[in-house]
Amino acid sequence: MKKRELLTSQIAIIILLLALIRTIGELFRLQYYSSTPLLFADIKPFAIAAMMTSISLLLMLLLYFFSRYVLVTSIAIMTIMGMLAIKYYMLS
């Protein structure tokens, strides 16, 4: 059981790292395809999601080093739910 929790937490960390890279990359995509200068209101949801994800990743790594694998996976799930909430409530 411990090996499964370890593998799940490692996968969760990698998934959130990829989500962070994609969120930051979205800012550059918006800048590249925008015909007008971007305002803070345009990038605010992406900045909030990137900050939330980076803080979650830091917490997950600290918990991973202390062998709290279930908490790592739980934080990853909550972070993804938070990113989805930001996407649907702030971008619509």
Protein backbone atom coordinates (compact mmCIF):
# COMPACT_ATOMS: atom_id res chain seq x y z
CA MET A 1 0.00 0.00 0.00
CA LYS A 2 2.83 2.41 0.80
CA LYS A 3 4.36 1.92 -2.65
CA ARG A 4 1.05 2.81 -4.32
CA GLU A 5 0.74 5.98 -2.22
CA LEU A 6 4.31 6.91 -3.10
CA LEU A 7 3.70 6.45 -6.83
CA THR A 8 0.42 8.36 -6.69
CA SER A 9 2.04 11.30 -4.93
CA GLN A 10 4.90 11.38 -7.45
CA ILE A 11 2.41 11.42 -10.33
CA ALA A 12 0.40 14.18 -8.60
CA ILE A 13 3.51 16.36 -8.26
CA ILE A 14 4.38 15.89 -11.94
CA ILE A 15 0.83 16.67 -13.05
CA LEU A 16 0.73 19.89 -11.03
CA LEU A 17 4.14 20.91 -12.31
CA LEU A 18 2.88 20.47 -15.88
CA ALA A 19 -0.27 22.43 -15.01
CA LEU A 20 1.89 25.26 -13.65
CA ILE A 21 3.99 25.35 -16.80
CA ARG A 22 0.86 25.39 -18.95
CA THR A 23 -0.72 28.19 -16.90
CA ILE A 24 2.37 30.37 -17.16
CA GLY A 25 2.64 29.56 -20.87
CA GLU A 26 -0.93 30.74 -21.34
CA LEU A 27 0.13 34.23 -20.30
CA PHE A 28 2.69 34.32 -23.08
CA ARG A 29 0.17 32.95 -25.57
CA LEU A 30 -2.29 35.70 -24.65
CA GLN A 31 0.41 38.32 -25.09
CA TYR A 32 1.48 36.93 -28.46
CA TYR A 33 -2.02 36.71 -29.97
CA SER A 34 -3.41 39.88 -28.43
CA SER A 35 -3.82 42.83 -30.78
CA THR A 36 -4.06 45.24 -27.85
CA PRO A 37 -1.82 45.55 -24.79
CA LEU A 38 -2.85 43.16 -22.02
CA LEU A 39 -4.34 44.61 -18.88
CA PHE A 40 -4.00 43.08 -15.45
CA ALA A 41 -7.68 42.18 -15.56
CA ASP A 42 -6.96 40.03 -18.61
CA ILE A 43 -4.24 37.98 -16.94
CA LYS A 44 -5.54 38.05 -13.36
CA PRO A 45 -7.16 34.57 -13.42
CA PHE A 46 -3.99 33.03 -14.84
CA ALA A 47 -1.76 34.82 -12.33
CA ILE A 48 -3.95 33.69 -9.43
CA ALA A 49 -3.98 30.11 -10.69
CA ALA A 50 -0.21 30.11 -11.19
CA MET A 51 0.40 31.49 -7.70
CA MET A 52 -1.99 28.98 -6.15
CA THR A 53 -0.35 26.11 -8.02
CA SER A 54 3.19 27.15 -7.12
CA ILE A 55 2.34 27.45 -3.42
CA SER A 56 0.61 24.07 -3.55
CA LEU A 57 3.63 22.51 -5.23
CA LEU A 58 5.92 23.86 -2.54
CA LEU A 59 3.68 22.46 0.17
CA MET A 60 3.39 19.14 -1.66
CA LEU A 61 7.16 18.81 -1.96
CA LEU A 62 7.65 19.53 1.73
CA LEU A 63 5.03 16.95 2.66
CA TYR A 64 6.57 14.48 0.21
CA PHE A 65 9.93 14.78 1.97
CA PHE A 66 8.18 14.02 5.28
CA SER A 67 6.50 10.94 3.74
CA ARG A 68 2.95 12.32 3.92
CA TYR A 69 1.94 10.84 0.58
CA VAL A 70 -1.82 10.87 1.11
CA LEU A 71 -1.73 14.57 1.96
CA VAL A 72 0.29 15.26 -1.18
CA THR A 73 -2.35 13.60 -3.33
CA SER A 74 -5.16 15.37 -1.46
CA ILE A 75 -3.59 18.79 -1.97
CA ALA A 76 -3.11 18.03 -5.67
CA ILE A 77 -6.80 17.19 -6.03
CA MET A 78 -7.86 20.32 -4.16
CA THR A 79 -5.52 22.47 -6.27
CA ILE A 80 -6.92 21.09 -9.52
CA MET A 81 -10.45 21.74 -8.26
CA GLY A 82 -9.41 25.29 -7.35
CA MET A 83 -7.93 25.84 -10.81
CA LEU A 84 -11.15 24.60 -12.40
CA ALA A 85 -13.16 26.94 -10.17
CA ILE A 86 -10.99 29.88 -11.24
CA LYS A 87 -11.41 28.88 -14.86
CA TYR A 88 -15.20 28.68 -14.76
CA TYR A 89 -15.95 31.58 -12.41
CA MET A 90 -13.36 34.16 -13.43
CA LEU A 91 -13.15 33.51 -17.14
CA SER A 92 -16.86 33.34 -17.89
